[in-house]
């Protein structure tokens, strides 16, 4: 693998010197200098809005800095998307970029222009099938399937595999932006093992993640950004998770113990029968945080959608909504991309903000400011377009939308994808406050730390609930063990 890379020629793959980028009054990059050499994995961390996405767009040629310089170690020179690609730089974005109406092979053709001529489909299928098996051994993805029919985890797997394919030119640097955000623990482990092999063979990785354990395990050097600047840059072994959090500017808080004592007098607010008559039934009680766990794609999202549709099954909005939903795939199911941040937040509760069927603009703006402050939406103006926000900040808007409603039950489909550590701590505290006040949360997460915050956890396998864990039984070891149980 990557035998053609020049690991020992001494040239950095990319060098960024004193890059400055401003969007109006916002300094997205404020004098960033960064160099990535061959055969190293550089971890990049920072809160949402720290400048990570901007430096990525500078490196991949999509954005030219207003000041500063960028040089590629290979290729024909210049700075553009084509120049970056010619230099062997590839990028897997947090907001996946595959065309849903095309097959996996057709998407491979779009990303690799040299894949052409007679029989390109057959050759493309061979390339992508080989790379998928190399990165994610044992996968069950059909390369002739339309991307729109895949789960979000499968789409992430496909985009990663397509990016690492060497078709016509070597891959020297791959930028991975939250690459495991939709992957379960098994798939994430497979990807990290492949990244280590790729780097060992001379490739370079820029690895961006809010999962600090991944950053520490896979990186050779870690760069910390805050407010558009590099505030720390050291070998990975000189950091601890605690130290990384402090370098980003967050206060490390002790994890709150579960305060819900699973009282027997709690009222049931949500139920579902066993799937196809097998496995365990589902039940959520008032004031509980109930987790869904297990390997990805085993029915967790399907049950969340089923619970939501069963209580919102017509076009007429109920005067008192029963459930609210936080989508994990925000690009497909969450945001209204042409609308403002404020309107994306308020859309589900417009009747509550209206008088005589007329929207009270002042009440809407007050609501927006309240949630902007409470959940930390990084924007100077809530009337800005939703796409002006980073992916993590878009997710905060969806979370605020659900919490601002009067619904007593909130269903959450991996809602923390791409959200920074500090905000996660604040959201966890909000969840517990709301649960203590009687609100019920049903929470599917691919992050084990989040699942272990729940009062009870249902573990899924093959579309069915195969185990129920309570209180101190909710541990990573028990969840992983139950993930391979068969339903009774």
Protein backbone atom coordinates (compact mmCIF):
# COMPACT_ATOMS: atom_id res chain seq x y z
CA UNK A 1 0.00 0.00 0.00
CA UNK A 2 1.27 3.47 -0.95
CA UNK A 3 4.61 2.09 -2.12
CA UNK A 4 4.97 5.01 -4.51
CA UNK A 5 5.00 7.67 -1.76
CA UNK A 6 8.23 9.56 -1.19
CA UNK A 7 8.49 9.12 2.54
CA UNK A 8 12.09 10.11 2.90
CA UNK A 9 12.48 13.05 0.52
CA UNK A 10 12.22 15.57 3.37
CA UNK A 11 9.53 17.70 1.77
CA UNK A 12 6.42 18.51 3.80
CA UNK A 13 3.21 17.47 2.11
CA UNK A 14 1.74 20.89 2.85
CA UNK A 15 2.94 24.06 4.58
CA UNK A 16 0.65 26.87 5.75
CA UNK A 17 2.36 30.07 6.91
CA UNK A 18 0.65 32.89 8.84
CA UNK A 19 -2.75 32.27 7.20
CA UNK A 20 -5.43 34.84 7.93
CA UNK A 21 -9.08 34.57 6.87
CA UNK A 22 -11.90 36.90 7.91
CA UNK A 23 -15.62 36.69 7.27
CA UNK A 24 -16.79 40.20 8.05
CA UNK A 25 -15.84 40.95 11.63
CA UNK A 26 -15.19 37.28 12.41
CA UNK A 27 -11.53 36.19 12.25
CA UNK A 28 -11.84 32.56 11.16
CA UNK A 29 -8.03 32.21 10.96
CA UNK A 30 -5.76 34.63 12.79
CA UNK A 31 -2.18 33.88 11.77
CA UNK A 32 -2.18 30.07 11.58
CA UNK A 33 1.07 28.29 10.72
CA UNK A 34 0.89 24.54 10.19
CA UNK A 35 3.10 21.98 8.46
CA UNK A 36 2.30 18.32 7.78
CA UNK A 37 5.10 15.96 6.85
CA UNK A 38 5.08 12.58 5.16
CA UNK A 39 4.38 9.61 7.39
CA UNK A 40 2.69 11.45 10.24
CA UNK A 41 -0.83 11.71 11.61
CA UNK A 42 -1.60 15.18 12.90
CA UNK A 43 -4.57 15.42 15.26
CA UNK A 44 -6.49 18.69 15.09
CA UNK A 45 -8.80 19.61 17.97
CA UNK A 46 -10.76 22.66 19.09
CA UNK A 47 -14.27 23.74 19.86
CA UNK A 48 -16.86 24.36 17.14
CA UNK A 49 -15.92 27.65 15.51
CA UNK A 50 -12.23 27.40 16.47
CA UNK A 51 -11.18 27.52 12.79
CA UNK A 52 -10.72 23.83 12.01
CA UNK A 53 -13.04 23.77 8.98
CA UNK A 54 -11.45 26.95 7.64
CA UNK A 55 -7.89 25.60 7.78
CA UNK A 56 -9.14 22.41 6.10
CA UNK A 57 -10.61 24.47 3.26
CA UNK A 58 -7.33 26.36 2.92
CA UNK A 59 -5.31 23.15 2.73
CA UNK A 60 -7.63 21.47 0.20
CA UNK A 61 -7.56 24.51 -2.06
CA UNK A 62 -11.17 25.50 -1.63
CA UNK A 63 -10.36 28.77 0.16
CA UNK A 64 -7.49 31.17 -0.48
CA UNK A 65 -6.32 32.96 2.67
CA UNK A 66 -6.54 36.75 2.66
CA UNK A 67 -3.00 36.85 4.03
CA UNK A 68 -0.26 34.27 4.35
CA UNK A 69 1.07 31.52 2.11
CA UNK A 70 0.39 27.86 1.38
CA UNK A 71 2.73 25.48 -0.41
CA UNK A 72 2.33 21.89 -1.51
CA UNK A 73 5.34 19.60 -1.49
CA UNK A 74 4.32 17.84 -4.69
CA UNK A 75 2.31 18.57 -7.80
CA UNK A 76 2.50 21.43 -10.28
CA UNK A 77 2.32 24.31 -7.79
CA UNK A 78 -0.25 27.05 -7.31
CA UNK A 79 -3.17 27.02 -4.90
CA UNK A 80 -6.56 25.70 -5.95
CA UNK A 81 -8.69 22.60 -5.57
CA UNK A 82 -7.03 21.09 -8.65
CA UNK A 83 -3.55 21.98 -7.38
CA UNK A 84 -4.29 20.33 -4.01
CA UNK A 85 -5.60 17.23 -5.72
CA UNK A 86 -2.57 17.14 -8.01
CA UNK A 87 -0.42 17.27 -4.86
CA UNK A 88 -2.16 14.13 -3.55
CA UNK A 89 -4.43 15.82 -1.00
CA UNK A 90 -7.88 14.33 -0.39
CA UNK A 91 -10.62 15.22 2.10
CA UNK A 92 -13.49 13.40 3.81
CA UNK A 93 -15.82 16.13 5.06
CA UNK A 94 -17.98 15.93 8.16
CA UNK A 95 -20.92 16.90 5.93
CA UNK A 96 -20.81 13.94 3.55
CA UNK A 97 -20.67 14.93 -0.12
CA UNK A 98 -21.82 11.85 -2.04
CA UNK A 99 -24.63 12.18 -4.59
CA UNK A 100 -27.58 10.20 -3.17
CA UNK A 101 -29.24 9.53 -6.54
CA UNK A 102 -26.11 7.84 -7.96
CA UNK A 103 -24.65 4.42 -7.20
CA UNK A 104 -21.46 3.94 -5.21
CA UNK A 105 -19.53 3.16 -8.41
CA UNK A 106 -20.89 6.29 -10.11
CA UNK A 107 -19.85 8.39 -7.10
CA UNK A 108 -16.38 6.85 -7.39
CA UNK A 109 -16.24 8.03 -11.01
CA UNK A 110 -17.12 11.59 -9.95
CA UNK A 111 -14.32 11.75 -7.39
CA UNK A 112 -11.73 10.08 -9.65
CA UNK A 113 -11.70 11.69 -13.08
CA UNK A 114 -9.13 9.25 -14.46
CA UNK A 115 -11.67 6.44 -14.08
CA UNK A 116 -13.04 6.55 -17.64
CA UNK A 117 -13.15 4.70 -20.91
CA UNK A 118 -14.62 1.34 -21.81
CA UNK A 119 -15.46 -0.81 -18.80
CA UNK A 120 -14.99 1.94 -16.19
CA UNK A 121 -17.91 0.66 -14.11
CA UNK A 122 -16.37 -2.77 -13.73
CA UNK A 123 -12.95 -1.32 -12.90
CA UNK A 124 -14.48 1.21 -10.53
CA UNK A 125 -16.42 -1.50 -8.71
CA UNK A 126 -13.24 -3.53 -8.29
CA UNK A 127 -11.37 -0.51 -6.86
CA UNK A 128 -14.03 0.46 -4.35
CA UNK A 129 -14.87 -3.11 -3.30
CA UNK A 130 -11.19 -3.79 -2.65
CA UNK A 131 -10.73 -0.60 -0.63
CA UNK A 132 -13.90 -1.13 1.41
CA UNK A 133 -12.74 -4.62 2.32
CA UNK A 134 -9.27 -3.32 3.18
CA UNK A 135 -10.59 -0.64 5.54
CA UNK A 136 -13.79 -2.29 6.82
CA UNK A 137 -13.31 -6.06 6.52
CA UNK A 138 -16.54 -8.00 6.65
CA UNK A 139 -18.75 -5.14 5.44
CA UNK A 140 -21.95 -5.98 3.54
CA UNK A 141 -22.19 -2.97 1.19
CA UNK A 142 -23.19 -3.56 -2.44
CA UNK A 143 -21.17 -1.19 -4.64
CA UNK A 144 -23.98 -1.05 -7.21
CA UNK A 145 -26.46 0.25 -4.63
CA UNK A 146 -27.70 3.84 -4.81
CA UNK A 147 -26.09 5.96 -2.08
CA UNK A 148 -29.50 7.28 -1.04
CA UNK A 149 -30.46 3.76 0.09
CA UNK A 150 -27.51 3.48 2.49
CA UNK A 151 -27.51 4.26 6.20
CA UNK A 152 -25.50 7.29 7.30
CA UNK A 153 -22.81 4.95 8.68
CA UNK A 154 -22.57 3.15 5.33
CA UNK A 155 -22.36 6.48 3.49
CA UNK A 156 -19.50 7.50 5.75
CA UNK A 157 -17.73 4.19 5.10
CA UNK A 158 -18.15 4.58 1.34
CA UNK A 159 -16.87 8.15 1.25
CA UNK A 160 -13.82 7.17 3.29
CA UNK A 161 -13.09 4.23 0.98
CA UNK A 162 -13.52 6.30 -2.20
CA UNK A 163 -11.17 8.96 -0.83
CA UNK A 164 -8.41 6.46 -0.05
CA UNK A 165 -8.63 4.83 -3.50
CA UNK A 166 -5.51 5.44 -5.59
CA UNK A 167 -6.88 5.70 -9.13
CA UNK A 168 -4.47 7.42 -11.47
CA UNK A 169 -2.50 9.34 -8.82
CA UNK A 170 -1.03 8.67 -5.36
CA UNK A 171 -2.82 9.72 -2.19
CA UNK A 172 -0.36 11.63 0.02
CA UNK A 173 -2.52 13.43 2.60
CA UNK A 174 -6.07 12.54 3.64
CA UNK A 175 -8.00 15.00 5.80
CA UNK A 176 -10.50 13.11 7.95
CA UNK A 177 -13.08 15.47 9.49
CA UNK A 178 -15.02 13.63 12.23
CA UNK A 179 -14.61 10.33 10.33
CA UNK A 180 -16.12 8.13 13.05
CA UNK A 181 -19.06 10.37 13.96
CA UNK A 182 -21.59 7.87 12.52
CA UNK A 183 -19.60 4.67 13.04
CA UNK A 184 -20.09 2.24 15.89
CA UNK A 185 -17.16 1.12 18.03
CA UNK A 186 -16.27 -1.85 15.81
CA UNK A 187 -16.19 0.16 12.57
CA UNK A 188 -14.29 3.02 14.25
CA UNK A 189 -11.67 0.56 15.46
CA UNK A 190 -11.27 -0.82 11.92
CA UNK A 191 -10.81 2.68 10.49
CA UNK A 192 -8.24 3.70 13.11
CA UNK A 193 -6.26 0.51 12.43
CA UNK A 194 -6.23 1.35 8.72
CA UNK A 195 -5.11 4.93 9.43
CA UNK A 196 -2.16 3.59 11.42
CA UNK A 197 -1.18 1.30 8.49
CA UNK A 198 -1.53 4.15 5.99
CA UNK A 199 0.74 6.42 8.04
CA UNK A 200 3.24 3.63 8.67
CA UNK A 201 3.53 3.16 4.89
CA UNK A 202 4.36 6.84 4.34
CA UNK A 203 0.97 8.48 4.00
CA UNK A 204 -0.13 11.54 5.97
CA UNK A 205 -3.37 12.14 7.86
CA UNK A 206 -4.95 15.28 9.29
CA UNK A 207 -7.37 13.79 11.81
CA UNK A 208 -10.14 16.01 13.24
CA UNK A 209 -12.35 14.64 15.98
CA UNK A 210 -14.14 15.62 19.17
CA UNK A 211 -13.56 12.09 20.48
CA UNK A 212 -10.34 12.80 22.31
CA UNK A 213 -9.47 9.17 22.96
CA UNK A 214 -9.26 8.61 19.20
CA UNK A 215 -7.06 11.67 18.74
CA UNK A 216 -4.65 10.52 21.45
CA UNK A 217 -4.49 6.94 20.17
CA UNK A 218 -3.89 7.60 16.47
CA UNK A 219 -1.96 10.91 16.31
CA UNK A 220 1.79 11.42 16.30
CA UNK A 221 1.35 15.18 16.88
CA UNK A 222 -1.62 17.19 18.11
CA UNK A 223 -2.52 20.75 17.16
CA UNK A 224 -5.02 22.65 19.34
CA UNK A 225 -6.94 25.59 17.86
CA UNK A 226 -8.97 28.25 19.61
CA UNK A 227 -10.57 31.40 18.16
CA UNK A 228 -8.78 31.02 14.83
CA UNK A 229 -5.31 30.51 16.33
CA UNK A 230 -3.04 27.58 17.08
CA UNK A 231 -2.71 27.71 20.86
CA UNK A 232 -0.76 24.49 21.41
CA UNK A 233 1.19 22.05 19.25
CA UNK A 234 3.07 19.10 20.78
CA UNK A 235 3.78 15.38 20.28
CA UNK A 236 0.71 13.31 21.18
CA UNK A 237 2.45 11.52 24.03
CA UNK A 238 2.86 14.85 25.85
CA UNK A 239 -0.93 15.27 26.08
CA UNK A 240 -3.50 13.61 28.28
CA UNK A 241 -7.23 13.83 27.72
CA UNK A 242 -7.46 16.19 30.67
CA UNK A 243 -4.67 18.34 29.24
CA UNK A 244 -6.29 18.48 25.80
CA UNK A 245 -9.58 19.66 27.27
CA UNK A 246 -7.83 22.40 29.23
CA UNK A 247 -5.80 23.45 26.17
CA UNK A 248 -9.05 23.94 24.25
CA UNK A 249 -10.29 26.19 27.01
CA UNK A 250 -12.84 23.95 28.70
CA UNK A 251 -13.21 23.32 32.38
CA UNK A 252 -13.08 19.62 33.16
CA UNK A 253 -16.16 18.71 35.12
CA UNK A 254 -16.66 15.55 37.07
CA UNK A 255 -19.28 13.32 35.57
CA UNK A 256 -22.61 13.65 37.30
CA UNK A 257 -23.82 10.49 38.94
CA UNK A 258 -27.16 9.15 37.81
CA UNK A 259 -29.72 10.85 39.98
CA UNK A 260 -32.68 8.94 38.63
CA UNK A 261 -33.15 6.05 41.03
CA UNK A 262 -35.51 4.10 38.75
CA UNK A 263 -38.42 4.52 41.11
CA UNK A 264 -41.22 2.04 40.72
CA UNK A 265 -43.85 4.78 40.93
CA UNK A 266 -42.78 6.51 37.70
CA UNK A 267 -45.44 6.65 35.00
CA UNK A 268 -44.91 4.99 31.64
CA UNK A 269 -44.97 7.57 28.81
CA UNK A 270 -43.82 5.59 25.76
CA UNK A 271 -44.04 1.91 24.84
CA UNK A 272 -43.46 -0.39 21.88
CA UNK A 273 -44.10 -4.09 21.44
CA UNK A 274 -41.27 -6.52 20.61
CA UNK A 275 -40.16 -6.25 16.99
CA UNK A 276 -41.80 -8.99 14.91
CA UNK A 277 -42.76 -10.67 18.16
CA UNK A 278 -39.15 -11.35 19.18
CA UNK A 279 -36.86 -9.77 21.72
CA UNK A 280 -37.86 -7.44 24.53
CA UNK A 281 -40.57 -4.74 24.57
CA UNK A 282 -39.62 -1.09 24.90
CA UNK A 283 -40.81 1.21 27.67
CA UNK A 284 -39.77 4.68 28.80
CA UNK A 285 -40.84 6.23 32.09
CA UNK A 286 -41.43 9.87 32.96
CA UNK A 287 -38.15 11.61 33.83
CA UNK A 288 -35.89 8.88 32.45
CA UNK A 289 -32.97 9.08 30.03
CA UNK A 290 -33.20 5.82 28.08
CA UNK A 291 -30.34 4.83 25.80
CA UNK A 292 -30.27 2.74 22.63
CA UNK A 293 -27.00 0.87 22.05
CA UNK A 294 -25.51 -1.97 20.04
CA UNK A 295 -23.66 -2.14 16.75
CA UNK A 296 -24.70 0.53 14.25
CA UNK A 297 -27.53 -0.19 11.84
CA UNK A 298 -29.23 -2.83 13.98
CA UNK A 299 -32.59 -1.13 14.34
CA UNK A 300 -32.00 1.73 16.77
CA UNK A 301 -32.89 4.52 14.34
CA UNK A 302 -35.79 2.50 12.92
CA UNK A 303 -37.36 2.24 16.38
CA UNK A 304 -36.87 5.96 17.04
CA UNK A 305 -38.57 6.82 13.76
CA UNK A 306 -41.36 4.34 14.49
CA UNK A 307 -41.97 5.84 17.93
CA UNK A 308 -42.08 9.33 16.41
CA UNK A 309 -44.41 8.42 13.54
CA UNK A 310 -46.80 6.60 15.88
CA UNK A 311 -47.37 9.84 17.77
CA UNK A 312 -47.27 12.32 14.88
CA UNK A 313 -48.96 10.25 12.22
CA UNK A 314 -51.02 12.94 10.48
CA UNK A 315 -50.57 16.34 8.85
CA UNK A 316 -52.43 18.25 11.54
CA UNK A 317 -50.24 19.53 14.32
CA UNK A 318 -51.48 18.56 17.76
CA UNK A 319 -52.12 21.45 20.12
CA UNK A 320 -49.91 19.68 22.66
CA UNK A 321 -47.12 17.78 20.86
CA UNK A 322 -46.29 14.38 22.32
CA UNK A 323 -42.74 13.99 21.02
CA UNK A 324 -39.89 16.02 19.56
CA UNK A 325 -37.13 14.57 17.40
CA UNK A 326 -33.44 15.47 17.08
CA UNK A 327 -32.06 14.08 13.82
CA UNK A 328 -28.48 12.87 13.61
CA UNK A 329 -28.27 13.23 9.83
CA UNK A 330 -28.85 16.97 9.87
CA UNK A 331 -28.19 17.49 6.15
CA UNK A 332 -30.98 15.09 5.17
CA UNK A 333 -33.46 15.20 8.06
CA UNK A 334 -32.56 18.22 10.16
CA UNK A 335 -31.84 21.62 8.68
CA UNK A 336 -33.78 23.81 6.26
CA UNK A 337 -30.72 24.90 4.31
CA UNK A 338 -32.19 28.07 2.77
CA UNK A 339 -33.48 29.43 6.08
CA UNK A 340 -31.90 31.45 8.84
CA UNK A 341 -30.55 30.03 12.08
CA UNK A 342 -33.45 31.57 14.01
CA UNK A 343 -36.13 30.20 11.72
CA UNK A 344 -34.56 26.72 11.83
CA UNK A 345 -34.76 26.91 15.63
CA UNK A 346 -38.32 28.23 15.90
CA UNK A 347 -40.06 26.29 13.11
CA UNK A 348 -41.50 23.60 15.39
CA UNK A 349 -42.99 26.01 17.93
CA UNK A 350 -44.31 28.83 15.75
CA UNK A 351 -47.88 28.45 17.16
CA UNK A 352 -46.47 29.03 20.64
CA UNK A 353 -44.86 32.26 19.41
CA UNK A 354 -47.96 33.57 17.65
CA UNK A 355 -50.95 35.70 18.55
CA UNK A 356 -54.09 35.60 16.43
CA UNK A 357 -52.18 33.44 13.93
CA UNK A 358 -49.53 36.13 13.53
CA UNK A 359 -45.92 35.47 14.50
CA UNK A 360 -44.66 37.67 17.34
CA UNK A 361 -41.22 38.59 16.02
CA UNK A 362 -40.04 39.89 19.39
CA UNK A 363 -40.89 36.63 21.14
CA UNK A 364 -39.12 34.66 18.39
CA UNK A 365 -35.99 36.79 18.70
CA UNK A 366 -36.03 36.47 22.48
CA UNK A 367 -36.30 32.71 22.14
CA UNK A 368 -33.38 32.66 19.71
CA UNK A 369 -31.17 34.74 21.99
CA UNK A 370 -32.06 32.60 25.00
CA UNK A 371 -30.99 29.38 23.28
CA UNK A 372 -27.99 30.99 21.60
CA UNK A 373 -26.69 31.82 25.08
CA UNK A 374 -27.81 28.64 26.80
CA UNK A 375 -26.39 26.12 24.33
CA UNK A 376 -23.57 28.27 22.91
CA UNK A 377 -24.47 28.76 19.23
CA UNK A 378 -21.44 30.56 17.78
CA UNK A 379 -22.83 33.26 15.51
CA UNK A 380 -22.92 37.07 15.65
CA UNK A 381 -26.47 37.14 14.29
CA UNK A 382 -29.24 34.52 14.52
CA UNK A 383 -30.60 35.85 11.22
CA UNK A 384 -27.54 34.50 9.40
CA UNK A 385 -28.12 31.47 7.12
CA UNK A 386 -27.98 28.11 8.89
CA UNK A 387 -25.18 27.02 6.54
CA UNK A 388 -22.99 29.83 7.86
CA UNK A 389 -22.52 27.68 10.98
CA UNK A 390 -20.06 24.84 11.46
CA UNK A 391 -21.56 21.35 11.51
CA UNK A 392 -21.42 21.15 15.30
CA UNK A 393 -23.20 24.48 15.70
CA UNK A 394 -25.90 23.38 13.25
CA UNK A 395 -26.44 20.37 15.49
CA UNK A 396 -26.82 22.66 18.50
CA UNK A 397 -29.65 24.45 16.67
CA UNK A 398 -31.49 21.17 16.13
CA UNK A 399 -31.04 20.31 19.78
CA UNK A 400 -32.33 23.70 20.88
CA UNK A 401 -35.32 23.30 18.53
CA UNK A 402 -36.41 20.14 20.35
CA UNK A 403 -35.75 21.41 23.87
CA UNK A 404 -37.62 24.66 23.19
CA UNK A 405 -40.78 22.71 22.41
CA UNK A 406 -43.35 21.64 25.01
CA UNK A 407 -43.09 17.97 24.05
CA UNK A 408 -42.70 15.78 27.17
CA UNK A 409 -40.64 13.20 25.25
CA UNK A 410 -37.54 13.95 23.14
CA UNK A 411 -36.23 11.29 20.75
CA UNK A 412 -32.55 11.76 19.82
CA UNK A 413 -30.81 9.98 16.93
CA UNK A 414 -27.07 10.35 17.68
CA UNK A 415 -27.53 14.09 18.27
CA UNK A 416 -23.99 14.95 19.38
CA UNK A 417 -22.27 14.24 16.05
CA UNK A 418 -19.53 16.83 15.58
CA UNK A 419 -20.30 18.74 18.80
CA UNK A 420 -17.28 19.85 20.82
CA UNK A 421 -16.45 18.53 24.28
CA UNK A 422 -17.32 21.69 26.19
CA UNK A 423 -20.76 21.93 24.60
CA UNK A 424 -21.37 18.24 25.23
CA UNK A 425 -20.81 18.81 28.93
CA UNK A 426 -23.31 21.66 28.92
CA UNK A 427 -25.86 19.61 26.96
CA UNK A 428 -25.48 16.66 29.32
CA UNK A 429 -26.23 18.98 32.23
CA UNK A 430 -29.32 20.35 30.41
CA UNK A 431 -30.54 16.81 29.73
CA UNK A 432 -30.26 15.89 33.38
CA UNK A 433 -32.01 19.08 34.50
CA UNK A 434 -34.85 18.48 32.05
CA UNK A 435 -35.13 14.82 33.10
CA UNK A 436 -35.24 15.79 36.78
CA UNK A 437 -38.10 18.13 35.88
CA UNK A 438 -40.03 15.22 34.33
CA UNK A 439 -39.05 15.22 30.67
CA UNK A 440 -38.19 11.88 29.07
CA UNK A 441 -35.31 11.32 26.64
CA UNK A 442 -34.77 8.35 24.34
CA UNK A 443 -31.21 8.61 23.12
CA UNK A 444 -29.38 6.59 20.49
CA UNK A 445 -25.64 7.27 20.43
CA UNK A 446 -22.64 5.66 18.76
CA UNK A 447 -20.40 7.03 21.56
CA UNK A 448 -20.09 4.67 24.51
CA UNK A 449 -19.46 7.49 27.00
CA UNK A 450 -22.83 9.00 26.12
CA UNK A 451 -24.71 5.72 26.38
CA UNK A 452 -23.22 5.17 29.83
CA UNK A 453 -24.82 8.42 31.03
CA UNK A 454 -28.29 6.92 30.59
CA UNK A 455 -30.50 5.55 33.37
CA UNK A 456 -31.44 2.46 31.37
CA UNK A 457 -30.11 1.08 28.09
CA UNK A 458 -31.73 -1.18 25.51
CA UNK A 459 -29.18 -3.10 23.43
CA UNK A 460 -30.12 -3.97 19.84
CA UNK A 461 -29.06 -6.80 17.55
CA UNK A 462 -30.56 -7.65 14.14
CA UNK A 463 -33.31 -5.06 14.53
CA UNK A 464 -34.53 -6.30 17.92
CA UNK A 465 -33.97 -5.44 21.58
CA UNK A 466 -31.88 -8.27 23.00
CA UNK A 467 -30.99 -6.88 26.45
CA UNK A 468 -32.01 -4.26 28.99
CA UNK A 469 -29.38 -2.81 31.32
CA UNK A 470 -30.20 -0.71 34.38
CA UNK A 471 -28.23 1.61 36.64
CA UNK A 472 -24.78 0.24 37.43
CA UNK A 473 -25.25 -2.51 34.81
CA UNK A 474 -24.77 0.16 32.12
CA UNK A 475 -21.10 -0.35 31.33
CA UNK A 476 -19.14 -0.58 28.09
CA UNK A 477 -18.28 -4.21 28.77
CA UNK A 478 -21.91 -5.22 29.33
CA UNK A 479 -23.13 -3.30 26.28
CA UNK A 480 -20.54 -4.86 23.96
CA UNK A 481 -21.27 -8.33 25.32
CA UNK A 482 -25.03 -7.88 24.84
CA UNK A 483 -24.55 -6.55 21.29
CA UNK A 484 -23.86 -10.08 20.07
CA UNK A 485 -26.75 -11.79 21.88
CA UNK A 486 -29.55 -13.32 19.87
CA UNK A 487 -33.16 -12.37 20.58
CA UNK A 488 -35.24 -14.92 22.43
